[in-house]
Amino acid sequence: MNSTLEAMAQALFKSWFVDFDPVIDKALAAGNPIPKPLQARAEIRKTLGDQRKPIPDDQQLLPNHFVHTDEMGWVRYFGWLGD
């Protein structure tokens, strides 16, 4: 059971913080542009169609677009954190 929980936690972490799946999903829904380095992942997300689960209401604070920084490259934009 521990290894199953660990695998689930790793998959969730990778989805959210490495692949940016929730942000890509929100950007696609909002019609916002997807940065070139993330377009392949966005195409994968598009092919899932209705299999993608909508983001729960309590997670609507997640951003729906990306910004580029010289220091970190493409990052999720949290406008509510300030510029």
Protein backbone atom coordinates (compact mmCIF):
# COMPACT_ATOMS: atom_id res chain seq x y z
CA MET A 1 0.00 0.00 0.00
CA ASN A 2 2.86 2.39 0.77
CA SER A 3 4.41 1.91 -2.66
CA THR A 4 1.03 2.56 -4.31
CA LEU A 5 0.56 5.78 -2.34
CA GLU A 6 4.11 6.86 -3.12
CA ALA A 7 3.58 6.24 -6.84
CA MET A 8 0.34 8.23 -6.77
CA ALA A 9 2.03 11.13 -4.98
CA GLN A 10 4.91 11.15 -7.46
CA ALA A 11 2.51 11.09 -10.42
CA LEU A 12 0.48 13.96 -8.99
CA PHE A 13 3.60 16.02 -8.26
CA LYS A 14 4.94 15.47 -11.79
CA SER A 15 1.59 16.33 -13.36
CA TRP A 16 1.19 19.58 -11.46
CA PHE A 17 4.72 20.87 -10.94
CA VAL A 18 6.75 19.44 -13.83
CA ASP A 19 4.25 19.03 -16.67
CA PHE A 20 1.96 21.92 -15.56
CA ASP A 21 -1.16 19.93 -16.53
CA PRO A 22 -3.72 22.02 -14.59
CA VAL A 23 -2.30 25.28 -15.94
CA ILE A 24 -2.18 23.93 -19.49
CA ASP A 25 -5.79 22.75 -19.16
CA LYS A 26 -6.90 26.17 -17.89
CA ALA A 27 -4.90 27.99 -20.58
CA LEU A 28 -6.47 25.82 -23.28
CA ALA A 29 -9.95 26.45 -21.88
CA ALA A 30 -9.31 30.20 -21.72
CA GLY A 31 -7.85 30.28 -25.24
CA ASN A 32 -4.51 31.58 -23.96
CA PRO A 33 -1.32 30.80 -25.89
CA ILE A 34 0.83 27.86 -24.88
CA PRO A 35 4.61 28.47 -24.91
CA LYS A 36 6.47 26.54 -27.60
CA PRO A 37 8.36 24.30 -25.11
CA LEU A 38 5.01 23.22 -23.63
CA GLN A 39 3.05 22.77 -26.87
CA ALA A 40 3.77 19.05 -27.13
CA ARG A 41 2.34 18.53 -23.64
CA ALA A 42 -0.66 20.71 -24.55
CA GLU A 43 -1.35 18.51 -27.59
CA ILE A 44 -1.31 15.44 -25.35
CA ARG A 45 -3.75 17.16 -22.97
CA LYS A 46 -6.02 18.08 -25.91
CA THR A 47 -6.20 14.47 -27.08
CA LEU A 48 -7.56 13.41 -23.68
CA GLY A 49 -10.71 15.43 -24.36
CA ASP A 50 -13.44 14.58 -21.86
CA GLN A 51 -11.09 12.30 -19.93
CA ARG A 52 -9.51 15.42 -18.41
CA LYS A 53 -11.22 16.08 -15.13
CA PRO A 54 -12.31 19.68 -14.55
CA ILE A 55 -10.37 21.57 -11.92
CA PRO A 56 -12.33 21.65 -8.65
CA ASP A 57 -13.74 25.02 -7.57
CA ASP A 58 -11.36 25.22 -4.62
CA GLN A 59 -8.40 25.17 -7.03
CA GLN A 60 -9.58 27.94 -9.33
CA LEU A 61 -6.76 30.17 -8.10
CA LEU A 62 -4.40 28.25 -10.35
CA PRO A 63 -3.17 30.46 -13.20
CA ASN A 64 -4.33 30.11 -16.79
CA HIS A 65 -1.24 31.37 -18.57
CA PHE A 66 2.55 31.36 -18.50
CA VAL A 67 5.23 34.04 -18.40
CA HIS A 68 8.90 33.77 -19.36
CA THR A 69 11.66 34.81 -16.99
CA ASP A 70 15.35 34.94 -17.79
CA GLU A 71 16.15 33.18 -14.54
CA MET A 72 13.66 30.30 -14.68
CA GLY A 73 12.32 30.08 -18.25
CA TRP A 74 8.58 29.47 -18.64
CA VAL A 75 6.72 29.57 -15.36
CA ARG A 76 3.10 29.62 -14.31
CA TYR A 77 1.92 33.16 -13.76
CA PHE A 78 0.38 33.80 -10.37
CA GLY A 79 -0.92 37.34 -10.84
CA TRP A 80 -2.32 37.35 -7.33
CA LEU A 81 1.25 37.03 -5.97
CA GLY A 82 2.27 40.28 -7.64
CA ASP A 83 4.52 40.94 -10.62
